[in-house]
């Protein structure tokens, strides 16, 4: 999937960045000046871009693999939402990360 749709290790990279955002300094969550991006929204190397990549992969993977990855991603999502109370989320299943980073 990565070779045909993305690039080798794209999902590992996105997961690493999402994990770093979940466990890194709180200022990365609430202040875009300190976030993990390069400053170019088109690049996709921002919090929402990493999470959106993971969401796409979750829909492309076989059911069992998607379930395993979803459990890991959901734990990071919950950690981010608990740490950054300024990010409103109606539901953990809604794409709350869009427009938040």
N, C-alpha and C. Protein backbone atom coordinates (compact mmCIF):
# COMPACT_ATOMS: atom_id res chain seq x y z
N UNK A 1 0.82 -1.18 0.00
CA UNK A 1 0.00 0.00 0.00
C UNK A 1 0.88 1.26 0.00
N UNK A 2 1.90 1.27 0.82
CA UNK A 2 2.75 2.46 0.88
C UNK A 2 3.50 2.69 -0.42
N UNK A 3 3.94 1.63 -1.05
CA UNK A 3 4.69 1.79 -2.30
C UNK A 3 3.82 2.30 -3.43
N UNK A 4 2.56 1.89 -3.45
CA UNK A 4 1.69 2.29 -4.55
C UNK A 4 0.94 3.59 -4.29
N UNK A 5 0.62 3.87 -3.04
CA UNK A 5 -0.21 5.05 -2.74
C UNK A 5 0.58 6.19 -2.10
N UNK A 6 1.60 5.87 -1.31
CA UNK A 6 2.35 6.90 -0.60
C UNK A 6 3.83 6.76 -0.92
N UNK A 7 4.64 6.46 0.06
CA UNK A 7 6.07 6.20 -0.10
C UNK A 7 6.47 5.25 1.02
N UNK A 8 7.58 4.54 0.86
CA UNK A 8 7.99 3.60 1.90
C UNK A 8 8.15 4.31 3.26
N UNK A 9 7.61 3.70 4.28
CA UNK A 9 7.68 4.17 5.67
C UNK A 9 6.87 5.43 5.94
N UNK A 10 5.95 5.79 5.05
CA UNK A 10 5.13 6.99 5.26
C UNK A 10 4.26 6.86 6.49
N UNK A 11 3.69 5.69 6.70
CA UNK A 11 2.81 5.49 7.85
C UNK A 11 3.60 5.47 9.14
N UNK A 12 4.77 4.87 9.13
CA UNK A 12 5.63 4.89 10.31
C UNK A 12 6.00 6.33 10.67
N UNK A 13 6.32 7.12 9.66
CA UNK A 13 6.67 8.52 9.89
C UNK A 13 5.48 9.30 10.47
N UNK A 14 4.31 9.11 9.89
CA UNK A 14 3.12 9.81 10.39
C UNK A 14 2.81 9.38 11.82
N UNK A 15 2.91 8.08 12.11
CA UNK A 15 2.64 7.61 13.47
C UNK A 15 3.68 8.17 14.43
N UNK A 16 4.94 8.21 14.04
CA UNK A 16 5.99 8.75 14.91
C UNK A 16 5.70 10.20 15.26
N UNK A 17 5.33 11.00 14.26
CA UNK A 17 5.04 12.41 14.50
C UNK A 17 3.80 12.58 15.37
N UNK A 18 2.76 11.77 15.14
CA UNK A 18 1.55 11.86 15.96
C UNK A 18 1.86 11.46 17.41
N UNK A 19 2.68 10.46 17.58
CA UNK A 19 3.12 10.03 18.92
C UNK A 19 3.93 11.13 19.59
N UNK A 20 4.83 11.77 18.83
CA UNK A 20 5.64 12.86 19.38
C UNK A 20 4.75 14.03 19.78
N UNK A 21 3.72 14.29 19.01
CA UNK A 21 2.79 15.37 19.36
C UNK A 21 2.03 15.03 20.63
N UNK A 22 1.65 13.78 20.78
CA UNK A 22 0.90 13.34 21.96
C UNK A 22 1.74 13.37 23.23
N UNK A 23 3.03 13.09 23.11
CA UNK A 23 3.89 12.99 24.28
C UNK A 23 4.87 14.15 24.43
N UNK A 24 4.91 15.03 23.45
CA UNK A 24 5.86 16.15 23.49
C UNK A 24 5.35 17.30 24.33
N UNK A 25 6.06 18.42 24.25
CA UNK A 25 5.67 19.60 25.02
C UNK A 25 4.26 20.07 24.65
N UNK A 26 3.53 20.52 25.63
CA UNK A 26 2.16 20.96 25.43
C UNK A 26 2.08 22.13 24.45
N UNK A 27 3.09 22.95 24.38
CA UNK A 27 3.04 24.10 23.47
C UNK A 27 2.93 23.66 22.01
N UNK A 28 3.38 22.45 21.69
CA UNK A 28 3.25 21.94 20.32
C UNK A 28 1.79 21.70 19.97
N UNK A 29 0.97 21.45 20.98
CA UNK A 29 -0.44 21.19 20.73
C UNK A 29 -1.25 22.46 20.58
N UNK A 30 -0.89 23.49 21.30
CA UNK A 30 -1.75 24.67 21.34
C UNK A 30 -1.20 25.88 20.61
N UNK A 31 0.06 25.87 20.23
CA UNK A 31 0.64 27.01 19.55
C UNK A 31 1.26 26.57 18.23
N UNK A 32 0.67 26.98 17.09
CA UNK A 32 1.19 26.53 15.80
C UNK A 32 2.62 26.96 15.52
N UNK A 33 3.11 27.99 16.20
CA UNK A 33 4.49 28.42 16.00
C UNK A 33 5.49 27.39 16.52
N UNK A 34 5.06 26.54 17.45
CA UNK A 34 5.96 25.55 18.03
C UNK A 34 5.67 24.14 17.55
N UNK A 35 4.71 23.98 16.65
CA UNK A 35 4.32 22.66 16.19
C UNK A 35 5.39 21.97 15.36
N UNK A 36 5.13 20.73 14.96
CA UNK A 36 6.13 19.93 14.26
C UNK A 36 6.16 20.16 12.76
N UNK A 37 5.59 21.26 12.27
CA UNK A 37 5.52 21.41 10.83
C UNK A 37 6.62 22.32 10.28
N UNK A 38 6.68 22.37 8.95
CA UNK A 38 7.70 23.16 8.28
C UNK A 38 7.21 24.56 7.97
N UNK A 39 5.92 24.82 8.13
CA UNK A 39 5.36 26.14 7.85
C UNK A 39 4.62 26.23 6.53
N UNK A 40 4.66 25.18 5.73
CA UNK A 40 3.95 25.16 4.46
C UNK A 40 2.78 24.18 4.55
N UNK A 41 1.53 24.68 4.64
CA UNK A 41 0.37 23.78 4.79
C UNK A 41 0.26 22.76 3.66
N UNK A 42 0.70 23.11 2.46
CA UNK A 42 0.60 22.19 1.32
C UNK A 42 1.48 20.95 1.49
N UNK A 43 2.49 21.06 2.32
CA UNK A 43 3.44 19.97 2.52
C UNK A 43 2.80 18.76 3.20
N UNK A 44 1.92 19.01 4.15
CA UNK A 44 1.29 17.92 4.89
C UNK A 44 2.05 17.49 6.12
N UNK A 45 3.16 18.20 6.44
CA UNK A 45 3.95 17.80 7.61
C UNK A 45 3.53 18.61 8.83
N UNK A 46 2.25 18.63 9.08
CA UNK A 46 1.70 19.29 10.27
C UNK A 46 0.84 18.27 10.99
N UNK A 47 0.46 18.58 12.20
CA UNK A 47 -0.28 17.62 13.01
C UNK A 47 -1.48 17.03 12.30
N UNK A 48 -2.31 17.89 11.71
CA UNK A 48 -3.50 17.39 11.01
C UNK A 48 -3.12 16.54 9.81
N UNK A 49 -2.04 16.89 9.13
CA UNK A 49 -1.61 16.10 7.98
C UNK A 49 -1.16 14.71 8.38
N UNK A 50 -0.44 14.60 9.48
CA UNK A 50 -0.01 13.29 9.96
C UNK A 50 -1.22 12.46 10.37
N UNK A 51 -2.15 13.09 11.08
CA UNK A 51 -3.33 12.34 11.54
C UNK A 51 -4.22 11.97 10.37
N UNK A 52 -4.32 12.85 9.38
CA UNK A 52 -5.13 12.54 8.20
C UNK A 52 -4.52 11.38 7.43
N UNK A 53 -3.20 11.32 7.36
CA UNK A 53 -2.54 10.18 6.72
C UNK A 53 -2.90 8.89 7.45
N UNK A 54 -2.84 8.92 8.76
CA UNK A 54 -3.18 7.72 9.54
C UNK A 54 -4.64 7.33 9.31
N UNK A 55 -5.52 8.30 9.22
CA UNK A 55 -6.94 8.01 8.97
C UNK A 55 -7.13 7.35 7.61
N UNK A 56 -6.43 7.84 6.60
CA UNK A 56 -6.50 7.24 5.27
C UNK A 56 -6.02 5.79 5.30
N UNK A 57 -4.91 5.56 5.97
CA UNK A 57 -4.35 4.21 6.08
C UNK A 57 -5.33 3.29 6.81
N UNK A 58 -5.97 3.80 7.85
CA UNK A 58 -6.94 2.98 8.60
C UNK A 58 -8.08 2.49 7.70
N UNK A 59 -8.43 3.29 6.70
CA UNK A 59 -9.50 2.89 5.78
C UNK A 59 -9.01 1.98 4.67
N UNK A 60 -7.70 1.96 4.43
CA UNK A 60 -7.15 1.12 3.36
C UNK A 60 -6.67 -0.25 3.84
N UNK A 61 -6.34 -0.34 5.10
CA UNK A 61 -5.81 -1.60 5.64
C UNK A 61 -6.89 -2.67 5.75
N UNK A 62 -6.49 -3.93 5.73
CA UNK A 62 -7.45 -5.01 6.03
C UNK A 62 -8.01 -4.81 7.44
N UNK A 63 -9.17 -5.36 7.68
CA UNK A 63 -9.92 -5.12 8.92
C UNK A 63 -9.11 -5.37 10.19
N UNK A 64 -8.41 -6.51 10.27
CA UNK A 64 -7.66 -6.84 11.48
C UNK A 64 -6.51 -5.87 11.71
N UNK A 65 -5.75 -5.58 10.67
CA UNK A 65 -4.63 -4.64 10.80
C UNK A 65 -5.13 -3.25 11.15
N UNK A 66 -6.23 -2.85 10.55
CA UNK A 66 -6.81 -1.53 10.84
C UNK A 66 -7.25 -1.45 12.29
N UNK A 67 -7.83 -2.51 12.80
CA UNK A 67 -8.27 -2.52 14.20
C UNK A 67 -7.08 -2.36 15.15
N UNK A 68 -5.98 -3.03 14.85
CA UNK A 68 -4.78 -2.94 15.69
C UNK A 68 -4.19 -1.52 15.65
N UNK A 69 -4.07 -0.96 14.45
CA UNK A 69 -3.54 0.40 14.33
C UNK A 69 -4.50 1.42 14.94
N UNK A 70 -5.80 1.22 14.75
CA UNK A 70 -6.79 2.14 15.31
C UNK A 70 -6.68 2.22 16.84
N UNK A 71 -6.42 1.10 17.49
CA UNK A 71 -6.26 1.10 18.95
C UNK A 71 -5.08 1.96 19.36
N UNK A 72 -3.99 1.87 18.63
CA UNK A 72 -2.80 2.68 18.94
C UNK A 72 -3.06 4.16 18.67
N UNK A 73 -3.68 4.46 17.54
CA UNK A 73 -3.95 5.85 17.17
C UNK A 73 -4.97 6.46 18.13
N UNK A 74 -5.99 5.70 18.48
CA UNK A 74 -7.01 6.22 19.39
C UNK A 74 -6.41 6.58 20.75
N UNK A 75 -5.48 5.77 21.23
CA UNK A 75 -4.82 6.08 22.51
C UNK A 75 -4.07 7.42 22.42
N UNK A 76 -3.42 7.65 21.28
CA UNK A 76 -2.72 8.93 21.09
C UNK A 76 -3.72 10.08 20.97
N UNK A 77 -4.82 9.85 20.25
CA UNK A 77 -5.86 10.87 20.13
C UNK A 77 -6.38 11.28 21.51
N UNK A 78 -6.66 10.29 22.32
CA UNK A 78 -7.19 10.57 23.66
C UNK A 78 -6.18 11.35 24.50
N UNK A 79 -4.93 10.99 24.38
CA UNK A 79 -3.89 11.70 25.13
C UNK A 79 -3.80 13.16 24.69
N UNK A 80 -3.86 13.38 23.39
CA UNK A 80 -3.82 14.75 22.88
C UNK A 80 -5.02 15.54 23.37
N UNK A 81 -6.20 14.96 23.30
CA UNK A 81 -7.41 15.67 23.72
C UNK A 81 -7.42 15.96 25.22
N UNK A 82 -6.89 15.05 26.02
CA UNK A 82 -6.84 15.27 27.47
C UNK A 82 -5.83 16.37 27.80
N UNK A 83 -4.70 16.36 27.12
CA UNK A 83 -3.66 17.34 27.41
C UNK A 83 -4.01 18.73 26.89
N UNK A 84 -4.66 18.80 25.77
CA UNK A 84 -4.98 20.10 25.16
C UNK A 84 -6.49 20.33 25.25
N UNK A 85 -6.92 20.74 26.38
CA UNK A 85 -8.35 20.94 26.61
C UNK A 85 -8.93 22.03 25.72
N UNK A 86 -8.09 22.81 25.07
CA UNK A 86 -8.57 23.88 24.19
C UNK A 86 -9.04 23.34 22.84
N UNK A 87 -8.78 22.07 22.56
CA UNK A 87 -9.21 21.48 21.29
C UNK A 87 -10.58 20.84 21.51
N UNK A 88 -11.63 21.43 20.92
CA UNK A 88 -12.96 20.84 21.08
C UNK A 88 -13.12 19.59 20.22
N UNK A 89 -13.72 18.56 20.79
CA UNK A 89 -13.98 17.33 20.05
C UNK A 89 -15.35 16.81 20.45
N UNK A 90 -16.25 16.75 19.49
CA UNK A 90 -17.59 16.24 19.75
C UNK A 90 -17.55 14.74 19.98
N UNK A 91 -16.67 14.07 19.27
CA UNK A 91 -16.57 12.62 19.35
C UNK A 91 -15.16 12.23 18.94
N UNK A 92 -14.61 11.16 19.56
CA UNK A 92 -13.28 10.72 19.13
C UNK A 92 -13.27 10.22 17.70
N UNK A 93 -14.45 9.86 17.17
CA UNK A 93 -14.52 9.35 15.80
C UNK A 93 -14.65 10.46 14.77
N UNK A 94 -15.00 11.66 15.19
CA UNK A 94 -15.10 12.80 14.27
C UNK A 94 -13.70 13.30 13.95
N UNK A 95 -13.48 13.86 12.77
CA UNK A 95 -12.14 14.36 12.41
C UNK A 95 -11.82 15.68 13.10
N UNK A 96 -11.68 15.63 14.41
CA UNK A 96 -11.44 16.82 15.23
C UNK A 96 -10.10 17.46 14.96
N UNK A 97 -9.15 16.73 14.41
CA UNK A 97 -7.80 17.22 14.19
C UNK A 97 -7.73 18.21 13.02
N UNK A 98 -8.72 18.20 12.11
CA UNK A 98 -8.70 19.10 10.97
C UNK A 98 -8.90 20.54 11.43
N UNK A 99 -8.05 21.40 11.00
CA UNK A 99 -8.15 22.82 11.34
C UNK A 99 -7.73 23.15 12.76
N UNK A 100 -7.19 22.20 13.50
CA UNK A 100 -6.79 22.43 14.88
C UNK A 100 -5.30 22.66 15.04
N UNK A 101 -4.51 22.31 14.03
CA UNK A 101 -3.06 22.44 14.11
C UNK A 101 -2.57 23.35 13.02
